[in-house]
Amino acid sequence: MDKANLTLPKSPFRTRGGAKAPHRKNTLNSESVTMPCPKQVILPMVQHIGAPCKPVVKAGTLVAVGDVIAESEGFVSAPIHATVSGKVSKITQVKLSTGQMGDAVIIDSDGEMRISENCKPPVVKTAQDLLDAVKASGLVGLGGAGFPTHVKLNVPKDKKADTLVINCAECEPYITTDNREAIENTDNVINGIVTVMRLLELDRAIIGIEDNKPEAIKLLKKAVADSKEKEAERIGVLPLKARYPQGAEKVLIKACTGRVVPVGKLPLDTGCIVMNITSVAFVSSYIKTGVPLVSKRVTVDGSAISEPKNVIVPIGTPIKDVIEFCGGYSEPCGKLISGGPMMGISLASDEFPILKQNNAILAFNEKDAILQKTTDCIRCGRCVSSCPLSLMPAAIEKSVKLKDIDALNKQGVMVCMECGSCAFNCPAHRPLVQTMRQGKALVRSAPKK
C-alpha cells in the first residue's frame, strides 16, 4: 500500500447507497446493568462461523466460570467455556435459531459464579502469543458476524496489513451495545487497539463511529489524546454519517480508508483488518484477567418490552430470562428478533439462549409486527440506487423466478451482503432479501461446470 495513503483521515470517504433507517436508540444513555445469575445456561456447540465444537465434559461434571467445556480441531473455530459455575446436567440436542438441531451443553448453576483456577492472564509478547491468547479466549466477532477473531488476526506471510479499522458504527436501529462499550470501557478499547497495532506491526488504526454517538466520540478522542503509548499517535477517531449500513465491513473500509474491497476478496486484500469495538476491548480485558468470553452485553428493546435496557448476561442465558429481567412483555409479542431489525433473525420463541455473537433482543407488539402488503414492482430503481455494492436486486429477482443460474452469477447475487437496504427502500415492499438468499441457494446447488 502507498504510504502516502496512510494518514489519519479528517473526514470520511464517500460511500454508495444505503438507507435512512430510523435510529431509535432508546437505550443510548442507559448504563449497562448486570443480570443476576440464571438458574441454567444452554450452550450450543455452534456459536461461530466455522467448525462446530465438541463437548469435552460429561453429565455430572462440576465446572467453574471460564472452564473449557467444548473445543474443535478446526482452524476456523473457537472454544466454548462455562459461563456459570455449577454442574453439567446433560449434553443433548437442541433446536437452534436457524431451525436446525445441534448439540448443546446444559449447566445447572450453583449461583456462586466461581471463577475457574485456570483463568490466568496469558503472556503476550509476540504476534503468535496474541493469536494463541485470542483463540484460547473463545473470542469471535461480537458485532454479529461471529467469525473467530484469531483467524482474522492471522495475517498470511504473502499479505501485508497496515490499517486496523475499528467498527463502532452500530448503524442498526435500536442497538446501543457498542456505544456503551465505548463509554464504559474506553481504556480497554484504546489498550486493545494499541496491543493489536504493536504486535501485528500495523501503521494506523481508525475508529469508525456514526455521528449520532456524541458522548462516545468525545470520550474516545480524549482517551486517544491522553494515552502515553506511542501507537496512540496513529489512532484516529472518525465520525461517520449516520446512515445504514455504515457498519458493514466493505462499506466501513471505504468510508474510513477510501479503499474498495474487490469482488470475491477479503478486507486483508486491501491491507485492512476490521474488528468490532467490543471485540478489541475484550482482547485487552482478557490479557489482563485471563477470563475468557463468558458474558455478553445485549440491548433489550422494542414496543413489547416493559423496561428497555442494556444488559450484561452470561452467554447461554435463555432469552425469556433476560426479558423477564427487563420487566417482561408490556403487551403480547408479535415479533421477536435476535439482532437488529434490518439483519437480525426472527425467533420462533424466547426459549433460545443468548449466543456469543448476539448483541440485541428486540420484541415488537402485534401491531408493529404486521408486514406491509407486497405489490408489483414498478421499476422505480430505488433498490439499485440504495445497494451499497451496486447490484440490481429487481433484475436478480427476475432471474431467481426463472432459475437462471448463469444470469444470477453475472448479476453478482453471491456478492450481496443481505443488508436489506433494497427492501427497506422498495415502495412495493418486495421481499428482496429473501429473494437474494433464494438466488444464492440456487447458485450453490447448481452443478459445477
Protein backbone atom coordinates (compact mmCIF):
# COMPACT_ATOMS: atom_id res chain seq x y z
CA MET A 1 0.00 0.00 0.00
CA ASP A 2 1.10 3.53 -0.73
CA LYS A 3 2.48 5.06 2.47
CA ALA A 4 1.14 8.43 1.36
CA ASN A 5 -2.33 6.93 1.78
CA LEU A 6 -1.71 6.12 5.44
CA THR A 7 -2.60 9.43 7.02
CA LEU A 8 -5.46 9.56 9.50
CA PRO A 9 -8.49 10.86 7.58
CA LYS A 10 -10.14 14.04 8.84
CA SER A 11 -13.45 13.23 7.16
CA PRO A 12 -14.99 10.01 5.83
CA PHE A 13 -14.74 8.94 2.22
CA ARG A 14 -17.94 8.82 0.24
CA THR A 15 -19.84 5.55 0.14
CA ARG A 16 -22.70 4.40 -2.06
CA GLY A 17 -26.36 3.67 -1.38
CA GLY A 18 -27.81 2.71 1.96
CA ALA A 19 -30.99 3.66 3.76
CA LYS A 20 -32.14 6.35 6.16
CA ALA A 21 -33.29 3.83 8.73
CA PRO A 22 -34.71 5.40 11.90
CA HIS A 23 -32.17 5.36 14.73
CA ARG A 24 -34.50 4.62 17.66
CA LYS A 25 -31.52 4.44 20.03
CA ASN A 26 -33.77 4.42 23.08
CA THR A 27 -31.08 2.93 25.34
CA LEU A 28 -28.23 5.17 24.13
CA ASN A 29 -27.80 6.66 27.59
CA SER A 30 -28.80 3.55 29.53
CA GLU A 31 -25.82 2.37 31.56
CA SER A 32 -25.27 -1.38 31.35
CA VAL A 33 -26.72 -3.45 34.19
CA THR A 34 -25.57 -6.95 35.14
CA MET A 35 -28.27 -9.58 35.28
CA PRO A 36 -28.33 -11.96 38.27
CA CYS A 37 -27.02 -15.46 37.65
CA PRO A 38 -29.60 -17.59 35.80
CA LYS A 39 -30.63 -21.00 37.14
CA GLN A 40 -29.45 -22.70 33.96
CA VAL A 41 -27.49 -21.92 30.80
CA ILE A 42 -27.77 -23.64 27.43
CA LEU A 43 -24.54 -23.57 25.42
CA PRO A 44 -24.94 -24.74 21.80
CA MET A 45 -21.82 -26.10 20.11
CA VAL A 46 -22.40 -23.79 17.14
CA GLN A 47 -21.66 -20.22 18.24
CA HIS A 48 -19.48 -19.01 15.39
CA ILE A 49 -18.81 -19.31 11.68
CA GLY A 50 -16.78 -22.46 11.03
CA ALA A 51 -16.46 -25.95 12.50
CA PRO A 52 -18.77 -26.77 15.43
CA CYS A 53 -17.21 -27.58 18.78
CA LYS A 54 -17.38 -30.93 20.56
CA PRO A 55 -18.04 -31.23 24.30
CA VAL A 56 -15.07 -32.15 26.49
CA VAL A 57 -17.23 -32.55 29.60
CA LYS A 58 -19.84 -35.11 30.64
CA ALA A 59 -23.12 -35.01 32.52
CA GLY A 60 -22.25 -34.59 36.18
CA THR A 61 -19.01 -32.68 35.60
CA LEU A 62 -18.52 -29.80 38.04
CA VAL A 63 -17.43 -26.59 36.32
CA ALA A 64 -16.42 -23.06 37.25
CA VAL A 65 -16.76 -19.90 35.18
CA GLY A 66 -14.12 -19.99 32.44
CA ASP A 67 -13.55 -23.75 32.31
CA VAL A 68 -13.33 -25.10 28.75
CA ILE A 69 -16.39 -27.24 28.03
CA ALA A 70 -16.04 -27.65 24.26
CA GLU A 71 -13.28 -27.49 21.66
CA SER A 72 -12.79 -28.07 17.95
CA GLU A 73 -9.88 -29.32 15.89
CA GLY A 74 -10.86 -27.00 13.07
CA PHE A 75 -8.80 -23.86 12.43
CA VAL A 76 -11.89 -21.72 11.86
CA SER A 77 -13.32 -22.32 15.30
CA ALA A 78 -13.17 -21.09 18.89
CA PRO A 79 -13.51 -22.96 22.20
CA ILE A 80 -16.59 -22.59 24.39
CA HIS A 81 -16.34 -22.01 28.13
CA ALA A 82 -18.61 -22.48 31.13
CA THR A 83 -20.40 -19.21 31.76
CA VAL A 84 -21.70 -20.09 35.23
CA SER A 85 -20.34 -22.32 37.99
CA GLY A 86 -22.28 -25.48 38.74
CA LYS A 87 -22.86 -28.94 37.30
CA VAL A 88 -23.29 -30.14 33.73
CA SER A 89 -26.80 -31.57 33.83
CA LYS A 90 -26.80 -33.06 30.34
CA ILE A 91 -25.46 -32.93 26.81
CA THR A 92 -28.33 -33.03 24.38
CA GLN A 93 -29.67 -31.89 21.04
CA VAL A 94 -31.48 -28.55 20.98
CA LYS A 95 -33.17 -26.60 18.22
CA LEU A 96 -31.03 -23.69 17.06
CA SER A 97 -32.35 -20.30 15.98
CA THR A 98 -31.80 -21.38 12.35
CA GLY A 99 -34.32 -24.18 12.82
CA GLN A 100 -31.64 -26.87 12.69
CA MET A 101 -30.79 -29.25 15.52
CA GLY A 102 -27.39 -29.20 17.22
CA ASP A 103 -25.56 -30.42 20.31
CA ALA A 104 -25.58 -28.29 23.46
CA VAL A 105 -24.10 -28.46 26.94
CA ILE A 106 -26.59 -27.56 29.66
CA ILE A 107 -25.24 -26.36 33.01
CA ASP A 108 -27.28 -26.01 36.19
CA SER A 109 -25.93 -23.03 38.10
CA ASP A 110 -24.96 -23.17 41.76
CA GLY A 111 -25.49 -19.41 41.97
CA GLU A 112 -21.92 -18.73 43.09
CA MET A 113 -20.32 -17.67 39.77
CA ARG A 114 -16.94 -19.01 40.92
CA ILE A 115 -14.09 -18.16 38.57
CA SER A 116 -12.01 -21.12 37.43
CA GLU A 117 -8.48 -21.55 38.76
CA ASN A 118 -7.47 -21.98 35.11
CA CYS A 119 -8.23 -18.34 34.38
CA LYS A 120 -4.77 -16.80 34.41
CA PRO A 121 -3.55 -13.81 32.41
CA PRO A 122 -1.69 -15.03 29.31
CA VAL A 123 1.85 -13.93 28.50
CA VAL A 124 1.55 -11.95 25.27
CA LYS A 125 4.80 -10.62 23.82
CA THR A 126 4.67 -11.65 20.17
CA ALA A 127 2.14 -11.81 17.35
CA GLN A 128 1.88 -15.59 17.80
CA ASP A 129 1.28 -15.11 21.52
CA LEU A 130 -1.59 -12.79 20.64
CA LEU A 131 -3.14 -15.28 18.21
CA ASP A 132 -2.84 -18.10 20.75
CA ALA A 133 -4.36 -15.99 23.51
CA VAL A 134 -7.26 -14.77 21.37
CA LYS A 135 -8.06 -18.33 20.29
CA ALA A 136 -7.91 -19.62 23.87
CA SER A 137 -10.26 -16.83 24.97
CA GLY A 138 -13.01 -18.09 22.69
CA LEU A 139 -13.39 -14.66 21.08
CA VAL A 140 -15.48 -14.33 17.93
CA GLY A 141 -16.69 -11.19 16.19
CA LEU A 142 -19.01 -9.58 18.71
CA GLY A 143 -20.68 -7.25 16.23
CA GLY A 144 -22.94 -10.04 15.00
CA ALA A 145 -20.89 -11.94 12.40
CA GLY A 146 -19.37 -14.44 14.82
CA PHE A 147 -16.17 -15.06 12.84
CA PRO A 148 -13.36 -16.44 15.05
CA THR A 149 -11.11 -13.47 15.81
CA HIS A 150 -7.80 -15.34 15.88
CA VAL A 151 -8.36 -16.29 12.23
CA LYS A 152 -8.98 -12.67 11.27
CA LEU A 153 -5.78 -11.54 13.03
CA ASN A 154 -3.65 -14.25 11.43
CA VAL A 155 -2.06 -12.34 8.53
CA PRO A 156 -0.57 -14.73 5.92
CA LYS A 157 3.09 -14.21 5.00
CA ASP A 158 2.15 -13.25 1.43
CA LYS A 159 -0.08 -10.40 2.59
CA LYS A 160 0.55 -7.10 4.33
CA ALA A 161 -1.83 -5.42 6.74
CA ASP A 162 -1.25 -1.76 7.54
CA THR A 163 -4.60 -0.50 8.87
CA LEU A 164 -6.77 -1.58 11.78
CA VAL A 165 -10.37 -0.43 11.28
CA ILE A 166 -12.45 -0.45 14.46
CA ASN A 167 -16.16 -0.84 13.85
CA CYS A 168 -18.20 1.31 16.22
CA ALA A 169 -20.70 2.41 13.59
CA GLU A 170 -23.57 0.44 15.14
CA CYS A 171 -25.88 1.53 12.33
CA GLU A 172 -28.82 -0.79 13.03
CA PRO A 173 -31.83 0.79 14.74
CA TYR A 174 -32.26 0.19 18.48
CA ILE A 175 -28.87 -1.44 19.20
CA THR A 176 -26.58 0.53 21.56
CA THR A 177 -24.20 -2.09 22.99
CA ASP A 178 -21.10 -0.84 21.17
CA ASN A 179 -21.90 2.72 22.18
CA ARG A 180 -21.97 1.61 25.82
CA GLU A 181 -18.67 -0.26 25.34
CA ALA A 182 -17.04 2.92 24.05
CA ILE A 183 -18.36 4.88 27.04
CA GLU A 184 -17.97 2.33 29.83
CA ASN A 185 -14.73 0.60 28.80
CA THR A 186 -12.89 3.36 26.95
CA ASP A 187 -9.47 2.47 28.37
CA ASN A 188 -9.80 -1.17 27.35
CA VAL A 189 -10.76 -0.06 23.84
CA ILE A 190 -7.61 2.02 23.42
CA ASN A 191 -5.36 -0.55 25.14
CA GLY A 192 -6.73 -3.29 22.91
CA ILE A 193 -6.11 -1.24 19.79
CA VAL A 194 -2.56 -0.42 20.90
CA THR A 195 -1.85 -4.10 21.61
CA VAL A 196 -3.07 -5.29 18.20
CA MET A 197 -1.25 -2.46 16.39
CA ARG A 198 2.02 -3.14 18.20
CA LEU A 199 2.12 -6.92 17.87
CA LEU A 200 0.86 -7.04 14.26
CA GLU A 201 3.05 -4.06 13.31
CA LEU A 202 0.19 -2.01 11.87
CA ASP A 203 0.76 1.55 10.74
CA ARG A 204 -2.52 3.11 11.86
CA ALA A 205 -5.92 2.47 13.41
CA ILE A 206 -9.17 4.24 12.54
CA ILE A 207 -12.20 4.07 14.82
CA GLY A 208 -15.26 4.48 12.59
CA ILE A 209 -18.23 5.68 14.65
CA GLU A 210 -21.51 7.21 13.49
CA ASP A 211 -22.01 10.82 14.48
CA ASN A 212 -25.18 10.05 16.45
CA LYS A 213 -23.00 8.95 19.38
CA PRO A 214 -21.50 12.27 20.60
CA GLU A 215 -20.59 11.15 24.13
CA ALA A 216 -18.71 8.09 22.87
CA ILE A 217 -16.87 10.18 20.26
CA LYS A 218 -15.81 12.71 22.89
CA LEU A 219 -14.54 10.04 25.30
CA LEU A 220 -12.67 8.10 22.61
CA LYS A 221 -10.93 11.23 21.33
CA LYS A 222 -9.92 12.19 24.87
CA ALA A 223 -8.63 8.70 25.61
CA VAL A 224 -6.50 8.72 22.46
CA ALA A 225 -5.12 12.18 23.29
CA ASP A 226 -4.37 11.21 26.89
CA SER A 227 -2.70 7.89 26.09
CA LYS A 228 1.04 7.73 26.68
CA GLU A 229 1.52 4.85 24.25
CA LYS A 230 3.40 5.82 21.10
CA GLU A 231 0.91 3.90 18.94
CA ALA A 232 -1.86 6.27 20.10
CA GLU A 233 -0.40 8.97 17.85
CA ARG A 234 -1.54 6.83 14.92
CA ILE A 235 -5.08 6.19 16.17
CA GLY A 236 -7.84 8.33 14.68
CA VAL A 237 -11.47 8.69 15.74
CA LEU A 238 -13.52 9.26 12.59
CA PRO A 239 -17.17 10.39 12.95
CA LEU A 240 -19.24 8.92 10.12
CA LYS A 241 -22.56 9.96 8.66
CA ALA A 242 -25.34 8.12 10.46
CA ARG A 243 -26.66 6.08 7.56
CA TYR A 244 -27.35 2.37 7.33
CA PRO A 245 -25.36 0.11 6.59
CA GLN A 246 -22.34 2.18 7.62
CA GLY A 247 -21.09 -0.67 9.80
CA ALA A 248 -20.98 -3.26 7.02
CA GLU A 249 -17.36 -4.33 6.61
CA LYS A 250 -16.87 -3.28 2.99
CA VAL A 251 -18.77 -0.02 3.47
CA LEU A 252 -16.79 0.80 6.61
CA ILE A 253 -13.45 0.18 4.90
CA LYS A 254 -14.43 2.51 2.06
CA ALA A 255 -15.65 5.21 4.47
CA CYS A 256 -12.53 5.04 6.66
CA THR A 257 -9.77 4.45 4.10
CA GLY A 258 -11.18 5.09 0.64
CA ARG A 259 -10.19 1.56 -0.34
CA VAL A 260 -12.54 -0.78 -2.18
CA VAL A 261 -12.61 -4.50 -1.37
CA PRO A 262 -12.64 -6.28 -4.77
CA VAL A 263 -15.38 -8.79 -5.56
CA GLY A 264 -14.53 -12.15 -4.04
CA LYS A 265 -11.74 -10.69 -1.89
CA LEU A 266 -11.37 -10.05 1.83
CA PRO A 267 -10.52 -6.88 3.79
CA LEU A 268 -6.96 -8.16 4.16
CA ASP A 269 -6.57 -7.90 0.40
CA THR A 270 -6.84 -4.13 0.85
CA GLY A 271 -4.40 -4.12 3.78
CA CYS A 272 -7.17 -3.77 6.38
CA ILE A 273 -8.15 -5.74 9.46
CA VAL A 274 -11.62 -4.92 10.78
CA MET A 275 -12.51 -5.50 14.42
CA ASN A 276 -15.66 -4.68 16.36
CA ILE A 277 -15.02 -2.22 19.20
CA THR A 278 -16.30 -4.64 21.85
CA SER A 279 -14.05 -7.36 20.44
CA VAL A 280 -10.89 -5.23 20.63
CA ALA A 281 -11.78 -4.10 24.16
CA PHE A 282 -12.21 -7.74 25.17
CA VAL A 283 -8.69 -8.51 23.94
CA SER A 284 -7.35 -6.01 26.45
CA SER A 285 -9.54 -7.38 29.23
CA TYR A 286 -8.52 -11.00 28.58
CA ILE A 287 -4.80 -10.19 28.58
CA LYS A 288 -5.27 -8.50 31.98
CA THR A 289 -7.51 -11.07 33.65
CA GLY A 290 -7.37 -14.36 31.75
CA VAL A 291 -11.17 -14.64 31.98
CA PRO A 292 -12.44 -15.88 28.60
CA LEU A 293 -15.58 -14.83 26.73
CA VAL A 294 -18.32 -15.87 29.15
CA SER A 295 -20.72 -12.91 29.11
CA LYS A 296 -22.31 -10.58 26.60
CA ARG A 297 -23.92 -7.16 26.65
CA VAL A 298 -27.23 -7.12 24.78
CA THR A 299 -29.69 -4.35 24.06
CA VAL A 300 -33.22 -5.41 25.02
CA ASP A 301 -35.78 -3.11 23.41
CA GLY A 302 -38.87 -2.90 21.23
CA SER A 303 -42.51 -1.93 21.60
CA ALA A 304 -43.34 -5.10 23.57
CA ILE A 305 -40.59 -4.70 26.19
CA SER A 306 -41.60 -3.17 29.52
CA GLU A 307 -38.20 -1.78 30.52
CA PRO A 308 -35.66 -1.42 27.67
CA LYS A 309 -32.11 -1.95 28.96
CA ASN A 310 -28.52 -2.75 28.08
CA VAL A 311 -27.95 -5.97 30.00
CA ILE A 312 -24.76 -7.94 30.67
CA VAL A 313 -25.70 -11.62 30.81
CA PRO A 314 -23.88 -14.97 30.93
CA ILE A 315 -23.73 -16.49 27.45
CA GLY A 316 -26.28 -19.30 27.28
CA THR A 317 -28.91 -17.49 29.36
CA PRO A 318 -32.41 -18.21 27.97
CA ILE A 319 -33.84 -15.16 26.25
CA LYS A 320 -37.04 -15.45 28.29
CA ASP A 321 -34.98 -14.91 31.47
CA VAL A 322 -33.39 -11.79 30.01
CA ILE A 323 -36.78 -10.38 29.01
CA GLU A 324 -38.16 -11.16 32.46
CA PHE A 325 -35.25 -9.19 33.96
CA CYS A 326 -36.38 -6.27 31.78
CA GLY A 327 -39.87 -6.31 33.27
CA GLY A 328 -41.26 -8.89 30.88
CA TYR A 329 -43.54 -8.16 27.95
CA SER A 330 -45.61 -4.98 28.18
CA GLU A 331 -48.09 -6.48 25.70
CA PRO A 332 -48.35 -9.62 23.56
CA CYS A 333 -45.24 -10.13 21.43
CA GLY A 334 -45.90 -10.28 17.71
CA LYS A 335 -42.28 -10.49 16.56
CA LEU A 336 -39.11 -11.50 18.41
CA ILE A 337 -35.76 -10.75 16.79
CA SER A 338 -32.21 -11.71 17.66
CA GLY A 339 -30.09 -8.77 16.46
CA GLY A 340 -31.31 -5.65 14.69
CA PRO A 341 -34.49 -5.17 12.65
CA MET A 342 -32.51 -4.93 9.39
CA MET A 343 -30.27 -8.02 9.54
CA GLY A 344 -31.45 -9.86 12.64
CA ILE A 345 -33.03 -13.31 12.81
CA SER A 346 -36.70 -13.77 13.62
CA LEU A 347 -37.11 -16.20 16.51
CA ALA A 348 -39.95 -18.69 16.90
CA SER A 349 -39.86 -18.41 20.71
CA ASP A 350 -37.94 -16.93 23.62
CA GLU A 351 -36.65 -20.35 24.70
CA PHE A 352 -33.43 -19.88 22.68
CA PRO A 353 -30.25 -18.91 24.57
CA ILE A 354 -28.06 -15.84 24.18
CA LEU A 355 -25.06 -16.69 21.96
CA LYS A 356 -21.61 -15.12 21.71
CA GLN A 357 -22.49 -13.00 18.69
CA ASN A 358 -25.90 -11.79 19.93
CA ASN A 359 -25.95 -8.03 20.50
CA ALA A 360 -29.69 -7.38 20.81
CA ILE A 361 -33.05 -8.93 21.57
CA LEU A 362 -35.96 -6.95 20.14
CA ALA A 363 -39.61 -7.70 20.89
CA PHE A 364 -42.36 -5.90 18.99
CA ASN A 365 -46.09 -5.80 19.64
CA GLU A 366 -48.58 -7.33 17.25
CA LYS A 367 -49.30 -4.02 15.51
CA ASP A 368 -45.63 -3.37 14.72
CA ALA A 369 -45.20 -6.96 13.54
CA ILE A 370 -47.70 -6.65 10.68
CA LEU A 371 -45.93 -6.90 7.33
CA GLN A 372 -46.65 -4.38 4.61
CA LYS A 373 -48.62 -5.74 1.66
CA THR A 374 -46.38 -6.66 -1.29
CA THR A 375 -47.36 -5.14 -4.63
CA ASP A 376 -45.97 -5.35 -8.16
CA CYS A 377 -42.54 -3.92 -8.91
CA ILE A 378 -42.88 -0.51 -10.60
CA ARG A 379 -39.28 -0.43 -11.91
CA CYS A 380 -38.50 2.74 -9.97
CA GLY A 381 -34.85 1.77 -9.48
CA ARG A 382 -34.72 2.60 -5.76
CA CYS A 383 -33.35 -0.84 -4.96
CA VAL A 384 -30.49 -0.23 -7.39
CA SER A 385 -29.60 3.23 -6.09
CA SER A 386 -29.69 2.04 -2.48
CA CYS A 387 -27.45 -1.02 -2.91
CA PRO A 388 -24.01 -0.31 -1.38
CA LEU A 389 -22.46 -2.88 -3.73
CA SER A 390 -24.08 -1.63 -6.98
CA LEU A 391 -26.21 -4.73 -7.53
CA MET A 392 -29.54 -4.79 -9.37
CA PRO A 393 -31.99 -6.51 -6.99
CA ALA A 394 -35.02 -6.27 -9.29
CA ALA A 395 -33.12 -7.99 -12.11
CA ILE A 396 -31.84 -10.65 -9.70
CA GLU A 397 -35.42 -11.23 -8.51
CA LYS A 398 -36.46 -11.96 -12.09
CA SER A 399 -33.54 -14.38 -12.55
CA VAL A 400 -34.47 -16.19 -9.34
CA LYS A 401 -38.02 -16.72 -10.64
CA LEU A 402 -36.59 -18.09 -13.90
CA LYS A 403 -33.95 -20.13 -12.01
CA ASP A 404 -31.39 -18.72 -14.43
CA ILE A 405 -28.09 -19.67 -12.80
CA ASP A 406 -25.90 -18.04 -15.44
CA ALA A 407 -27.75 -14.75 -15.08
CA LEU A 408 -27.51 -14.91 -11.28
CA ASN A 409 -23.76 -15.35 -11.49
CA LYS A 410 -23.39 -12.49 -13.95
CA GLN A 411 -25.58 -10.25 -11.79
CA GLY A 412 -23.41 -10.98 -8.74
CA VAL A 413 -26.00 -12.47 -6.41
CA MET A 414 -23.23 -14.08 -4.31
CA VAL A 415 -21.76 -10.62 -3.64
CA CYS A 416 -24.92 -9.49 -1.80
CA MET A 417 -24.34 -8.94 1.94
CA GLU A 418 -28.08 -9.08 2.69
CA CYS A 419 -28.12 -5.67 4.38
CA GLY A 420 -31.74 -5.10 3.37
CA SER A 421 -31.29 -1.55 2.08
CA CYS A 422 -33.05 -2.53 -1.14
CA ALA A 423 -36.07 -3.97 0.64
CA PHE A 424 -36.25 -1.03 3.06
CA ASN A 425 -36.38 1.47 0.21
CA CYS A 426 -38.73 -0.54 -2.03
CA PRO A 427 -42.14 1.20 -2.32
CA ALA A 428 -43.68 -2.12 -3.41
CA HIS A 429 -42.37 -3.86 -0.25
CA ARG A 430 -40.82 -6.68 -2.26
CA PRO A 431 -39.11 -9.36 -0.10
CA LEU A 432 -35.79 -8.74 -1.82
CA VAL A 433 -33.51 -10.07 0.93
CA GLN A 434 -35.32 -13.41 0.91
CA THR A 435 -35.07 -13.40 -2.89
CA MET A 436 -31.32 -12.84 -2.67
CA ARG A 437 -31.00 -15.80 -0.30
CA GLN A 438 -33.00 -17.95 -2.70
CA GLY A 439 -30.70 -16.88 -5.51
CA LYS A 440 -27.61 -17.81 -3.51
CA ALA A 441 -29.12 -21.20 -2.70
CA LEU A 442 -29.78 -21.81 -6.40
CA VAL A 443 -26.18 -20.97 -7.30
CA ARG A 444 -24.76 -23.16 -4.53
CA SER A 445 -26.90 -26.15 -5.51
CA ALA A 446 -26.25 -25.86 -9.26
CA PRO A 447 -23.93 -28.47 -10.86
CA LYS A 448 -20.38 -27.22 -11.25
CA LYS A 449 -19.35 -26.63 -14.85
